[in-house]
Amino acid sequence: MADRPQRRAVLVPTMNRLDDMMEMVDSVLAQTVPVHVLAVVDAGDTPTLARCLREKLDPAGIELIYRTSIPGTSLQRNIGLDLLAEQLEDNDLVFFFDDDVLLESNYVAETQRCMDLPLSPPVGCVLATFTQEPRARGWQQHWFRAFQMTHQVDGNEANLGAAGAVQWLREPTIDAQVPVASGGRTCYRWAAIKSERLDEFLPGYTLNEDVEYSFRIAKKWSIVHSPTVKLFHKRSPKQRIDYGDRVSRMIYSQFYFFRKHRPRDPGHLAALAWNAAGTSTFYVAAGLLKADSKDRLGAIRGVVHGYKKCLVELKNPRPE
């Protein structure tokens, strides 16, 4: 089987976004280098999704693997990986996409190019660049940097903070090596992930689980953020969670990463406390400025619930 041509698989968790999903598939079909299989794990209640997918994929000769699931981004991706495992070999590629992205037509071709870069360790993951304009942050960027919170940076050098917060490259100018990747715009070499699955540490819609996952991959493989691998994220209006719940999940997911991967020495613990002070102050203040009263109350509840969940988690064994 050593000479078998490379197989390229797309894995998409979805829930009740039929129109977005069809547009995403159209952008997959428009690739200059074709994919061979689309694995969709559906947590929604759209009875026509599988039929609509087959109507698009069958004429192109692309295999559809379709399964249903309860909601959970990590759970759905893990189900998809287990299904794909039966047909993939080490040099095959798995593309992780959200259901509301649109790919540039050379996305797959440029990903292949990046996978062949002569790096040590070899490239195991390629991270794409968004084509939409980044949100204007202004003074917020200074706050994020001061409190070592997750934020975007210019240039070609990204770091992972002592508290586990991520610097994301806004728009690199070279194929830049980075410490972690973001799940809905990545491609993994199967050899890098065949024995790895995402931690399912949050029920339902997860947040930043891809950071923890890719951090593990980066221990043995290089992650490259490329300026030529591009997609557009539409930010679907059909949101999964409200503002307060998102804040709560963001707080807990970073705590989970810290507890699993960061040493508990004074320097790292101080960084976590400093980050927590900046995070809680910022998101409560931002929530109170929102027009919707639900969001104003949700901001406070989200911060309280997030840190309460962190305290409760301390009673459990440290994640392995």
C-alpha atoms as a PDB file:
ATOM      1  CA  MET A   1       0.000   0.000   0.000  1.00  0.00           C
ATOM      2  CA  ALA A   2       3.072   2.273   0.095  1.00  0.00           C
ATOM      3  CA  ASP A   3       2.380   3.558  -3.434  1.00  0.00           C
ATOM      4  CA  ARG A   4      -1.308   4.256  -2.885  1.00  0.00           C
ATOM      5  CA  PRO A   5      -2.183   7.827  -3.945  1.00  0.00           C
ATOM      6  CA  GLN A   6      -2.841  10.267  -1.142  1.00  0.00           C
ATOM      7  CA  ARG A   7      -6.452  10.450   0.068  1.00  0.00           C
ATOM      8  CA  ARG A   8      -7.844  13.796   1.183  1.00  0.00           C
ATOM      9  CA  ALA A   9     -10.781  13.855   3.578  1.00  0.00           C
ATOM     10  CA  VAL A  10     -12.929  16.723   4.849  1.00  0.00           C
ATOM     11  CA  LEU A  11     -14.492  16.481   8.317  1.00  0.00           C
ATOM     12  CA  VAL A  12     -17.350  18.800   9.279  1.00  0.00           C
ATOM     13  CA  PRO A  13     -19.485  18.802  12.443  1.00  0.00           C
ATOM     14  CA  THR A  14     -22.786  20.559  11.783  1.00  0.00           C
ATOM     15  CA  MET A  15     -26.117  21.448  13.346  1.00  0.00           C
ATOM     16  CA  ASN A  16     -29.072  23.069  11.574  1.00  0.00           C
ATOM     17  CA  ARG A  17     -27.133  25.099   9.021  1.00  0.00           C
ATOM     18  CA  LEU A  18     -28.310  23.589   5.744  1.00  0.00           C
ATOM     19  CA  ASP A  19     -27.736  26.657   3.560  1.00  0.00           C
ATOM     20  CA  ASP A  20     -24.316  27.369   5.065  1.00  0.00           C
ATOM     21  CA  MET A  21     -23.353  23.724   4.661  1.00  0.00           C
ATOM     22  CA  MET A  22     -24.325  23.651   0.991  1.00  0.00           C
ATOM     23  CA  GLU A  23     -22.274  26.777   0.264  1.00  0.00           C
ATOM     24  CA  MET A  24     -19.292  25.284   2.097  1.00  0.00           C
ATOM     25  CA  VAL A  25     -19.573  22.102   0.011  1.00  0.00           C
ATOM     26  CA  ASP A  26     -19.702  24.167  -3.179  1.00  0.00           C
ATOM     27  CA  SER A  27     -16.351  25.707  -2.233  1.00  0.00           C
ATOM     28  CA  VAL A  28     -14.949  22.202  -1.654  1.00  0.00           C
ATOM     29  CA  LEU A  29     -16.170  21.093  -5.070  1.00  0.00           C
ATOM     30  CA  ALA A  30     -14.458  24.101  -6.669  1.00  0.00           C
ATOM     31  CA  GLN A  31     -10.981  23.057  -5.512  1.00  0.00           C
ATOM     32  CA  THR A  32      -8.196  22.775  -8.083  1.00  0.00           C
ATOM     33  CA  VAL A  33      -7.060  19.624  -6.256  1.00  0.00           C
ATOM     34  CA  PRO A  34     -10.038  17.402  -5.400  1.00  0.00           C
ATOM     35  CA  VAL A  35     -10.883  15.747  -2.113  1.00  0.00           C
ATOM     36  CA  HIS A  36     -12.008  12.129  -1.961  1.00  0.00           C
ATOM     37  CA  VAL A  37     -14.330  11.894   1.020  1.00  0.00           C
ATOM     38  CA  LEU A  38     -16.559  14.208   3.067  1.00  0.00           C
ATOM     39  CA  ALA A  39     -17.409  13.081   6.605  1.00  0.00           C
ATOM     40  CA  VAL A  40     -20.344  14.952   8.120  1.00  0.00           C
ATOM     41  CA  VAL A  41     -21.434  14.410  11.719  1.00  0.00           C
ATOM     42  CA  ASP A  42     -24.842  15.999  12.114  1.00  0.00           C
ATOM     43  CA  ALA A  43     -26.276  17.036  15.487  1.00  0.00           C
ATOM     44  CA  GLY A  44     -29.239  18.859  13.975  1.00  0.00           C
ATOM     45  CA  ASP A  45     -32.739  18.009  12.872  1.00  0.00           C
ATOM     46  CA  THR A  46     -32.551  18.811   9.156  1.00  0.00           C
ATOM     47  CA  PRO A  47     -33.941  15.654   7.510  1.00  0.00           C
ATOM     48  CA  THR A  48     -32.878  16.662   3.993  1.00  0.00           C
ATOM     49  CA  LEU A  49     -29.186  17.264   4.723  1.00  0.00           C
ATOM     50  CA  ALA A  50     -27.879  13.819   3.730  1.00  0.00           C
ATOM     51  CA  ARG A  51     -29.899  13.817   0.500  1.00  0.00           C
ATOM     52  CA  CYS A  52     -28.755  17.330  -0.425  1.00  0.00           C
ATOM     53  CA  LEU A  53     -25.150  16.369   0.204  1.00  0.00           C
ATOM     54  CA  ARG A  54     -25.366  13.272  -1.976  1.00  0.00           C
ATOM     55  CA  GLU A  55     -26.915  15.271  -4.805  1.00  0.00           C
ATOM     56  CA  LYS A  56     -23.808  17.486  -4.826  1.00  0.00           C
ATOM     57  CA  LEU A  57     -21.126  14.897  -4.073  1.00  0.00           C
ATOM     58  CA  ASP A  58     -22.175  11.881  -6.155  1.00  0.00           C
ATOM     59  CA  PRO A  59     -21.640  13.557  -9.558  1.00  0.00           C
ATOM     60  CA  ALA A  60     -18.147  14.613  -8.425  1.00  0.00           C
ATOM     61  CA  GLY A  61     -17.251  11.082  -7.287  1.00  0.00           C
ATOM     62  CA  ILE A  62     -16.746  12.172  -3.665  1.00  0.00           C
ATOM     63  CA  GLU A  63     -17.684   9.648  -1.001  1.00  0.00           C
ATOM     64  CA  LEU A  64     -20.058  10.818   1.725  1.00  0.00           C
ATOM     65  CA  ILE A  65     -19.803   9.480   5.255  1.00  0.00           C
ATOM     66  CA  TYR A  66     -22.828  10.735   7.162  1.00  0.00           C
ATOM     67  CA  ARG A  67     -23.633  10.082  10.802  1.00  0.00           C
ATOM     68  CA  THR A  68     -25.910  11.689  13.372  1.00  0.00           C
ATOM     69  CA  SER A  69     -24.875  12.591  16.901  1.00  0.00           C
ATOM     70  CA  ILE A  70     -25.845  14.534  19.961  1.00  0.00           C
ATOM     71  CA  PRO A  71     -24.429  18.102  19.905  1.00  0.00           C
ATOM     72  CA  GLY A  72     -20.781  18.556  20.818  1.00  0.00           C
ATOM     73  CA  THR A  73     -18.050  19.880  18.557  1.00  0.00           C
ATOM     74  CA  SER A  74     -15.304  17.700  20.019  1.00  0.00           C
ATOM     75  CA  LEU A  75     -17.584  14.663  20.188  1.00  0.00           C
ATOM     76  CA  GLN A  76     -18.681  15.113  16.577  1.00  0.00           C
ATOM     77  CA  ARG A  77     -15.112  15.511  15.336  1.00  0.00           C
ATOM     78  CA  ASN A  78     -14.023  12.433  17.270  1.00  0.00           C
ATOM     79  CA  ILE A  79     -16.843  10.403  15.733  1.00  0.00           C
ATOM     80  CA  GLY A  80     -15.753  11.574  12.299  1.00  0.00           C
ATOM     81  CA  LEU A  81     -12.100  10.716  12.949  1.00  0.00           C
ATOM     82  CA  ASP A  82     -13.041   7.208  14.067  1.00  0.00           C
ATOM     83  CA  LEU A  83     -15.091   6.715  10.901  1.00  0.00           C
ATOM     84  CA  LEU A  84     -12.275   7.973   8.672  1.00  0.00           C
ATOM     85  CA  ALA A  85      -9.674   5.824  10.429  1.00  0.00           C
ATOM     86  CA  GLU A  86     -10.851   2.779   8.499  1.00  0.00           C
ATOM     87  CA  GLN A  87      -9.626   4.174   5.179  1.00  0.00           C
ATOM     88  CA  LEU A  88      -6.726   6.541   5.929  1.00  0.00           C
ATOM     89  CA  GLU A  89      -2.966   6.004   5.911  1.00  0.00           C
ATOM     90  CA  ASP A  90      -0.118   8.049   7.350  1.00  0.00           C
ATOM     91  CA  ASN A  91       0.369  10.500   4.471  1.00  0.00           C
ATOM     92  CA  ASP A  92      -3.335  11.167   3.935  1.00  0.00           C
ATOM     93  CA  LEU A  93      -4.833  14.531   4.901  1.00  0.00           C
ATOM     94  CA  VAL A  94      -7.840  15.430   7.054  1.00  0.00           C
ATOM     95  CA  PHE A  95      -9.289  18.929   6.710  1.00  0.00           C
ATOM     96  CA  PHE A  96     -11.186  20.286   9.722  1.00  0.00           C
ATOM     97  CA  PHE A  97     -13.810  22.827   8.650  1.00  0.00           C
ATOM     98  CA  ASP A  98     -16.736  24.575  10.270  1.00  0.00           C
ATOM     99  CA  ASP A  99     -20.004  24.407   8.351  1.00  0.00           C
ATOM    100  CA  ASP A 100     -20.025  28.149   7.593  1.00  0.00           C
ATOM    101  CA  VAL A 101     -16.676  28.681   5.837  1.00  0.00           C
ATOM    102  CA  LEU A 102     -15.898  29.301   2.160  1.00  0.00           C
ATOM    103  CA  LEU A 103     -12.573  28.089   0.766  1.00  0.00           C
ATOM    104  CA  GLU A 104     -10.382  29.793  -1.793  1.00  0.00           C
ATOM    105  CA  SER A 105     -10.177  27.534  -4.864  1.00  0.00           C
ATOM    106  CA  ASN A 106      -6.489  26.672  -4.270  1.00  0.00           C
ATOM    107  CA  TYR A 107      -6.973  25.847  -0.566  1.00  0.00           C
ATOM    108  CA  VAL A 108      -6.197  22.129  -0.895  1.00  0.00           C
ATOM    109  CA  ALA A 109      -3.319  22.677  -3.328  1.00  0.00           C
ATOM    110  CA  GLU A 110      -1.626  25.224  -1.076  1.00  0.00           C
ATOM    111  CA  THR A 111      -2.138  22.983   1.953  1.00  0.00           C
ATOM    112  CA  GLN A 112      -0.328  20.167   0.148  1.00  0.00           C
ATOM    113  CA  ARG A 113       2.537  22.531  -0.613  1.00  0.00           C
ATOM    114  CA  CYS A 114       2.835  23.467   3.062  1.00  0.00           C
ATOM    115  CA  MET A 115       2.773  19.834   4.150  1.00  0.00           C
ATOM    116  CA  ASP A 116       5.902  19.272   2.033  1.00  0.00           C
ATOM    117  CA  LEU A 117       7.903  22.132   3.550  1.00  0.00           C
ATOM    118  CA  PRO A 118      11.348  20.903   4.700  1.00  0.00           C
ATOM    119  CA  LEU A 119      10.871  21.522   8.418  1.00  0.00           C
ATOM    120  CA  SER A 120      12.006  19.607  11.460  1.00  0.00           C
ATOM    121  CA  PRO A 121       9.913  18.119  12.872  1.00  0.00           C
ATOM    122  CA  PRO A 122       7.859  17.518   9.711  1.00  0.00           C
ATOM    123  CA  VAL A 123       4.686  19.503   9.127  1.00  0.00           C
ATOM    124  CA  GLY A 124       1.723  17.795  10.750  1.00  0.00           C
ATOM    125  CA  CYS A 125      -0.788  20.646  10.670  1.00  0.00           C
ATOM    126  CA  VAL A 126      -1.492  23.605   8.396  1.00  0.00           C
ATOM    127  CA  LEU A 127      -3.482  26.596   9.652  1.00  0.00           C
ATOM    128  CA  ALA A 128      -5.341  28.807   7.178  1.00  0.00           C
ATOM    129  CA  THR A 129      -5.639  32.595   7.062  1.00  0.00           C
ATOM    130  CA  PHE A 130      -9.023  34.307   7.138  1.00  0.00           C
ATOM    131  CA  THR A 131      -9.850  36.517   4.168  1.00  0.00           C
ATOM    132  CA  GLN A 132     -12.344  38.744   5.989  1.00  0.00           C
ATOM    133  CA  GLU A 133     -11.190  41.939   7.644  1.00  0.00           C
ATOM    134  CA  PRO A 134     -10.340  41.409  11.321  1.00  0.00           C
ATOM    135  CA  ARG A 135     -12.534  43.104  13.860  1.00  0.00           C
ATOM    136  CA  ALA A 136     -11.299  46.533  14.861  1.00  0.00           C
ATOM    137  CA  ARG A 137     -10.159  46.248  18.463  1.00  0.00           C
ATOM    138  CA  GLY A 138      -8.341  49.522  19.157  1.00  0.00           C
ATOM    139  CA  TRP A 139      -7.754  49.952  22.887  1.00  0.00           C
ATOM    140  CA  GLN A 140      -8.967  46.409  23.452  1.00  0.00           C
ATOM    141  CA  GLN A 141      -5.803  45.038  21.865  1.00  0.00           C
ATOM    142  CA  HIS A 142      -3.713  46.921  24.411  1.00  0.00           C
ATOM    143  CA  TRP A 143      -5.823  45.468  27.205  1.00  0.00           C
ATOM    144  CA  PHE A 144      -5.476  41.935  25.838  1.00  0.00           C
ATOM    145  CA  ARG A 145      -1.714  42.289  25.575  1.00  0.00           C
ATOM    146  CA  ALA A 146      -1.349  43.851  29.005  1.00  0.00           C
ATOM    147  CA  PHE A 147      -3.258  41.022  30.703  1.00  0.00           C
ATOM    148  CA  GLN A 148      -1.791  38.275  28.503  1.00  0.00           C
ATOM    149  CA  MET A 149      -5.195  37.405  27.025  1.00  0.00           C
ATOM    150  CA  THR A 150      -5.755  35.735  23.671  1.00  0.00           C
ATOM    151  CA  HIS A 151      -5.381  38.255  20.845  1.00  0.00           C
ATOM    152  CA  GLN A 152      -4.206  38.775  17.279  1.00  0.00           C
ATOM    153  CA  VAL A 153      -0.773  40.101  16.365  1.00  0.00           C
ATOM    154  CA  ASP A 154       0.855  41.406  13.209  1.00  0.00           C
ATOM    155  CA  GLY A 155       3.989  39.863  11.794  1.00  0.00           C
ATOM    156  CA  ASN A 156       5.115  36.252  11.585  1.00  0.00           C
ATOM    157  CA  GLU A 157       5.851  35.305  15.183  1.00  0.00           C
ATOM    158  CA  ALA A 158       3.203  33.964  17.561  1.00  0.00           C
ATOM    159  CA  ASN A 159       3.615  32.797  21.130  1.00  0.00           C
ATOM    160  CA  LEU A 160       1.633  30.872  23.692  1.00  0.00           C
ATOM    161  CA  GLY A 161       1.438  32.761  26.973  1.00  0.00           C
ATOM    162  CA  ALA A 162       2.301  31.414  30.403  1.00  0.00           C
ATOM    163  CA  ALA A 163      -1.413  31.345  31.271  1.00  0.00           C
ATOM    164  CA  GLY A 164      -2.271  29.472  28.064  1.00  0.00           C
ATOM    165  CA  ALA A 165      -3.593  32.461  26.101  1.00  0.00           C
ATOM    166  CA  VAL A 166      -2.814  32.427  22.379  1.00  0.00           C
ATOM    167  CA  GLN A 167      -1.307  34.991  20.054  1.00  0.00           C
ATOM    168  CA  TRP A 168      -2.912  34.418  16.645  1.00  0.00           C
ATOM    169  CA  LEU A 169      -1.187  35.794  13.566  1.00  0.00           C
ATOM    170  CA  ARG A 170      -3.529  38.224  11.832  1.00  0.00           C
ATOM    171  CA  GLU A 171      -2.065  37.827   8.351  1.00  0.00           C
ATOM    172  CA  PRO A 172       1.390  36.253   8.100  1.00  0.00           C
ATOM    173  CA  THR A 173       3.574  37.107   5.127  1.00  0.00           C
ATOM    174  CA  ILE A 174       5.446  33.788   5.148  1.00  0.00           C
ATOM    175  CA  ASP A 175       4.677  30.179   6.012  1.00  0.00           C
ATOM    176  CA  ALA A 176       5.187  30.739   9.726  1.00  0.00           C
ATOM    177  CA  GLN A 177       5.635  28.088  12.398  1.00  0.00           C
ATOM    178  CA  VAL A 178       3.163  28.624  15.250  1.00  0.00           C
ATOM    179  CA  PRO A 179       2.573  26.897  18.606  1.00  0.00           C
ATOM    180  CA  VAL A 180      -1.104  25.922  18.187  1.00  0.00           C
ATOM    181  CA  ALA A 181      -3.949  25.926  15.655  1.00  0.00           C
ATOM    182  CA  SER A 182      -7.630  26.809  15.469  1.00  0.00           C
ATOM    183  CA  GLY A 183      -9.924  23.899  14.599  1.00  0.00           C
ATOM    184  CA  GLY A 184     -12.269  25.144  11.851  1.00  0.00           C
ATOM    185  CA  ARG A 185      -9.469  26.143   9.476  1.00  0.00           C
ATOM    186  CA  THR A 186      -6.897  23.383   9.796  1.00  0.00           C
ATOM    187  CA  CYS A 187      -5.578  20.358   7.977  1.00  0.00           C
ATOM    188  CA  TYR A 188      -3.782  17.499   9.717  1.00  0.00           C
ATOM    189  CA  ARG A 189      -1.559  14.779   8.364  1.00  0.00           C
ATOM    190  CA  TRP A 190      -3.141  11.499   9.403  1.00  0.00           C
ATOM    191  CA  ALA A 191       0.131  10.243  10.891  1.00  0.00           C
ATOM    192  CA  ALA A 192       0.003  13.172  13.337  1.00  0.00           C
ATOM    193  CA  ILE A 193      -3.506  12.507  14.645  1.00  0.00           C
ATOM    194  CA  LYS A 194      -4.289   8.845  14.087  1.00  0.00           C
ATOM    195  CA  SER A 195      -3.770   8.096  17.786  1.00  0.00           C
ATOM    196  CA  GLU A 196      -5.042  11.449  19.091  1.00  0.00           C
ATOM    197  CA  ARG A 197      -8.605  12.539  19.767  1.00  0.00           C
ATOM    198  CA  LEU A 198     -10.019  15.806  21.075  1.00  0.00           C
ATOM    199  CA  ASP A 199     -10.731  16.109  24.785  1.00  0.00           C
ATOM    200  CA  GLU A 200     -14.481  16.379  25.381  1.00  0.00           C
ATOM    201  CA  PHE A 201     -14.201  18.631  28.418  1.00  0.00           C
ATOM    202  CA  LEU A 202     -17.231  20.823  27.640  1.00  0.00           C
ATOM    203  CA  PRO A 203     -20.720  19.543  26.792  1.00  0.00           C
ATOM    204  CA  GLY A 204     -22.419  20.741  23.623  1.00  0.00           C
ATOM    205  CA  TYR A 205     -20.720  23.588  21.797  1.00  0.00           C
ATOM    206  CA  THR A 206     -17.082  23.609  22.840  1.00  0.00           C
ATOM    207  CA  LEU A 207     -14.547  26.424  22.790  1.00  0.00           C
ATOM    208  CA  ASN A 208     -10.772  26.343  22.320  1.00  0.00           C
ATOM    209  CA  GLU A 209     -10.690  22.552  22.385  1.00  0.00           C
ATOM    210  CA  ASP A 210      -8.640  22.838  19.197  1.00  0.00           C
ATOM    211  CA  VAL A 211      -5.909  24.747  21.052  1.00  0.00           C
ATOM    212  CA  GLU A 212      -5.432  21.921  23.528  1.00  0.00           C
ATOM    213  CA  TYR A 213      -5.581  19.322  20.746  1.00  0.00           C
ATOM    214  CA  SER A 214      -3.068  21.026  18.468  1.00  0.00           C
ATOM    215  CA  PHE A 215      -0.742  21.718  21.418  1.00  0.00           C
ATOM    216  CA  ARG A 216      -0.413  17.968  21.873  1.00  0.00           C
ATOM    217  CA  ILE A 217       0.225  17.476  18.143  1.00  0.00           C
ATOM    218  CA  ALA A 218       2.917  20.188  18.188  1.00  0.00           C
ATOM    219  CA  LYS A 219       5.037  18.141  20.585  1.00  0.00           C
ATOM    220  CA  LYS A 220       5.999  15.890  17.672  1.00  0.00           C
ATOM    221  CA  TRP A 221       5.037  17.845  14.537  1.00  0.00           C
ATOM    222  CA  SER A 222       5.372  21.357  13.154  1.00  0.00           C
ATOM    223  CA  ILE A 223       2.310  23.585  12.766  1.00  0.00           C
ATOM    224  CA  VAL A 224       2.459  26.090   9.903  1.00  0.00           C
ATOM    225  CA  HIS A 225       0.235  29.137   9.480  1.00  0.00           C
ATOM    226  CA  SER A 226       0.229  29.953   5.778  1.00  0.00           C
ATOM    227  CA  PRO A 227      -0.733  33.228   4.064  1.00  0.00           C
ATOM    228  CA  THR A 228      -1.696  31.353   0.870  1.00  0.00           C
ATOM    229  CA  VAL A 229      -4.129  28.872   2.448  1.00  0.00           C
ATOM    230  CA  LYS A 230      -7.225  31.037   2.769  1.00  0.00           C
ATOM    231  CA  LEU A 231     -10.894  30.822   3.666  1.00  0.00           C
ATOM    232  CA  PHE A 232     -13.755  33.132   4.535  1.00  0.00           C
ATOM    233  CA  HIS A 233     -15.636  32.583   7.809  1.00  0.00           C
ATOM    234  CA  LYS A 234     -19.176  33.837   7.371  1.00  0.00           C
ATOM    235  CA  ARG A 235     -20.007  33.997  11.102  1.00  0.00           C
ATOM    236  CA  SER A 236     -23.434  32.475  10.675  1.00  0.00           C
ATOM    237  CA  PRO A 237     -26.294  34.328  12.405  1.00  0.00           C
ATOM    238  CA  LYS A 238     -27.457  30.996  13.802  1.00  0.00           C
ATOM    239  CA  GLN A 239     -25.258  31.130  16.884  1.00  0.00           C
ATOM    240  CA  ARG A 240     -24.914  28.117  19.167  1.00  0.00           C
ATOM    241  CA  ILE A 241     -24.637  29.901  22.510  1.00  0.00           C
ATOM    242  CA  ASP A 242     -25.339  33.298  24.046  1.00  0.00           C
ATOM    243  CA  TYR A 243     -22.788  35.860  25.209  1.00  0.00           C
ATOM    244  CA  GLY A 244     -22.683  34.801  28.861  1.00  0.00           C
ATOM    245  CA  ASP A 245     -22.324  31.119  28.052  1.00  0.00           C
ATOM    246  CA  ARG A 246     -19.499  31.892  25.639  1.00  0.00           C
ATOM    247  CA  VAL A 247     -17.646  33.861  28.321  1.00  0.00           C
ATOM    248  CA  SER A 248     -18.107  31.019  30.800  1.00  0.00           C
ATOM    249  CA  ARG A 249     -16.813  28.424  28.348  1.00  0.00           C
ATOM    250  CA  MET A 250     -13.853  30.588  27.344  1.00  0.00           C
ATOM    251  CA  ILE A 251     -12.793  30.981  30.980  1.00  0.00           C
ATOM    252  CA  TYR A 252     -13.098  27.302  31.743  1.00  0.00           C
ATOM    253  CA  SER A 253     -11.407  26.087  28.565  1.00  0.00           C
ATOM    254  CA  GLN A 254      -8.300  28.151  29.268  1.00  0.00           C
ATOM    255  CA  PHE A 255      -8.250  26.903  32.848  1.00  0.00           C
ATOM    256  CA  TYR A 256      -8.514  23.334  31.556  1.00  0.00           C
ATOM    257  CA  PHE A 257      -5.544  23.891  29.242  1.00  0.00           C
ATOM    258  CA  PHE A 258      -3.506  25.495  32.041  1.00  0.00           C
ATOM    259  CA  ARG A 259      -4.233  22.705  34.478  1.00  0.00           C
ATOM    260  CA  LYS A 260      -3.336  20.003  31.965  1.00  0.00           C
ATOM    261  CA  HIS A 261      -0.267  21.521  30.319  1.00  0.00           C
ATOM    262  CA  ARG A 262       1.257  24.276  32.449  1.00  0.00           C
ATOM    263  CA  PRO A 263       3.516  23.863  35.504  1.00  0.00           C
ATOM    264  CA  ARG A 264       2.088  25.090  38.804  1.00  0.00           C
ATOM    265  CA  ASP A 265       5.055  27.197  39.823  1.00  0.00           C
ATOM    266  CA  PRO A 266       4.717  30.764  41.188  1.00  0.00           C
ATOM    267  CA  GLY A 267       5.417  32.410  37.829  1.00  0.00           C
ATOM    268  CA  HIS A 268       2.785  30.474  35.904  1.00  0.00           C
ATOM    269  CA  LEU A 269       0.205  30.749  38.688  1.00  0.00           C
ATOM    270  CA  ALA A 270       0.760  34.509  38.851  1.00  0.00           C
ATOM    271  CA  ALA A 271       0.279  34.724  35.073  1.00  0.00           C
ATOM    272  CA  LEU A 272      -3.002  32.824  35.380  1.00  0.00           C
ATOM    273  CA  ALA A 273      -4.247  35.113  38.157  1.00  0.00           C
ATOM    274  CA  TRP A 274      -3.268  38.224  36.170  1.00  0.00           C
ATOM    275  CA  ASN A 275      -5.015  36.856  33.097  1.00  0.00           C
ATOM    276  CA  ALA A 276      -8.142  36.076  35.160  1.00  0.00           C
ATOM    277  CA  ALA A 277      -8.262  39.630  36.506  1.00  0.00           C
ATOM    278  CA  GLY A 278      -8.071  41.094  32.998  1.00  0.00           C
ATOM    279  CA  THR A 279     -10.533  38.587  31.531  1.00  0.00           C
ATOM    280  CA  SER A 280     -13.243  39.025  34.177  1.00  0.00           C
ATOM    281  CA  THR A 281     -12.984  42.831  34.170  1.00  0.00           C
ATOM    282  CA  PHE A 282     -13.045  43.110  30.384  1.00  0.00           C
ATOM    283  CA  TYR A 283     -15.965  40.789  29.670  1.00  0.00           C
ATOM    284  CA  VAL A 284     -18.148  42.116  32.474  1.00  0.00           C
ATOM    285  CA  ALA A 285     -17.515  45.678  31.287  1.00  0.00           C
ATOM    286  CA  ALA A 286     -18.099  44.722  27.648  1.00  0.00           C
ATOM    287  CA  GLY A 287     -21.309  42.941  28.575  1.00  0.00           C
ATOM    288  CA  LEU A 288     -22.641  45.877  30.562  1.00  0.00           C
ATOM    289  CA  LEU A 289     -22.192  48.090  27.501  1.00  0.00           C
ATOM    290  CA  LYS A 290     -24.311  45.845  25.298  1.00  0.00           C
ATOM    291  CA  ALA A 291     -27.782  46.982  24.296  1.00  0.00           C
ATOM    292  CA  ASP A 292     -29.486  43.687  25.125  1.00  0.00           C
ATOM    293  CA  SER A 293     -30.258  43.372  28.849  1.00  0.00           C
ATOM    294  CA  LYS A 294     -29.905  39.608  28.495  1.00  0.00           C
ATOM    295  CA  ASP A 295     -26.284  40.074  27.483  1.00  0.00           C
ATOM    296  CA  ARG A 296     -25.652  42.531  30.327  1.00  0.00           C
ATOM    297  CA  LEU A 297     -26.833  40.029  32.930  1.00  0.00           C
ATOM    298  CA  GLY A 298     -25.267  37.161  31.009  1.00  0.00           C
ATOM    299  CA  ALA A 299     -21.820  38.737  31.177  1.00  0.00           C
ATOM    300  CA  ILE A 300     -21.827  38.738  34.968  1.00  0.00           C
ATOM    301  CA  ARG A 301     -23.348  35.292  35.185  1.00  0.00           C
ATOM    302  CA  GLY A 302     -20.898  33.973  32.610  1.00  0.00           C
ATOM    303  CA  VAL A 303     -17.843  35.169  34.532  1.00  0.00           C
ATOM    304  CA  VAL A 304     -19.207  33.848  37.839  1.00  0.00           C
ATOM    305  CA  HIS A 305     -20.213  30.510  36.352  1.00  0.00           C
ATOM    306  CA  GLY A 306     -16.899  30.129  34.508  1.00  0.00           C
ATOM    307  CA  TYR A 307     -14.724  30.629  37.575  1.00  0.00           C
ATOM    308  CA  LYS A 308     -17.086  28.614  39.748  1.00  0.00           C
ATOM    309  CA  LYS A 309     -16.644  25.710  37.336  1.00  0.00           C
ATOM    310  CA  CYS A 310     -12.865  26.144  37.587  1.00  0.00           C
ATOM    311  CA  LEU A 311     -13.028  25.924  41.391  1.00  0.00           C
ATOM    312  CA  VAL A 312     -15.216  22.837  41.244  1.00  0.00           C
ATOM    313  CA  GLU A 313     -12.788  21.259  38.781  1.00  0.00           C
ATOM    314  CA  LEU A 314      -9.967  21.574  41.322  1.00  0.00           C
ATOM    315  CA  LYS A 315     -11.613  18.770  43.285  1.00  0.00           C
ATOM    316  CA  ASN A 316     -11.027  16.384  40.385  1.00  0.00           C
ATOM    317  CA  PRO A 317      -7.756  14.755  39.334  1.00  0.00           C
ATOM    318  CA  ARG A 318      -5.603  16.775  36.971  1.00  0.00           C
ATOM    319  CA  PRO A 319      -6.440  15.835  33.340  1.00  0.00           C
ATOM    320  CA  GLU A 320      -3.909  13.569  31.657  1.00  0.00           C
END
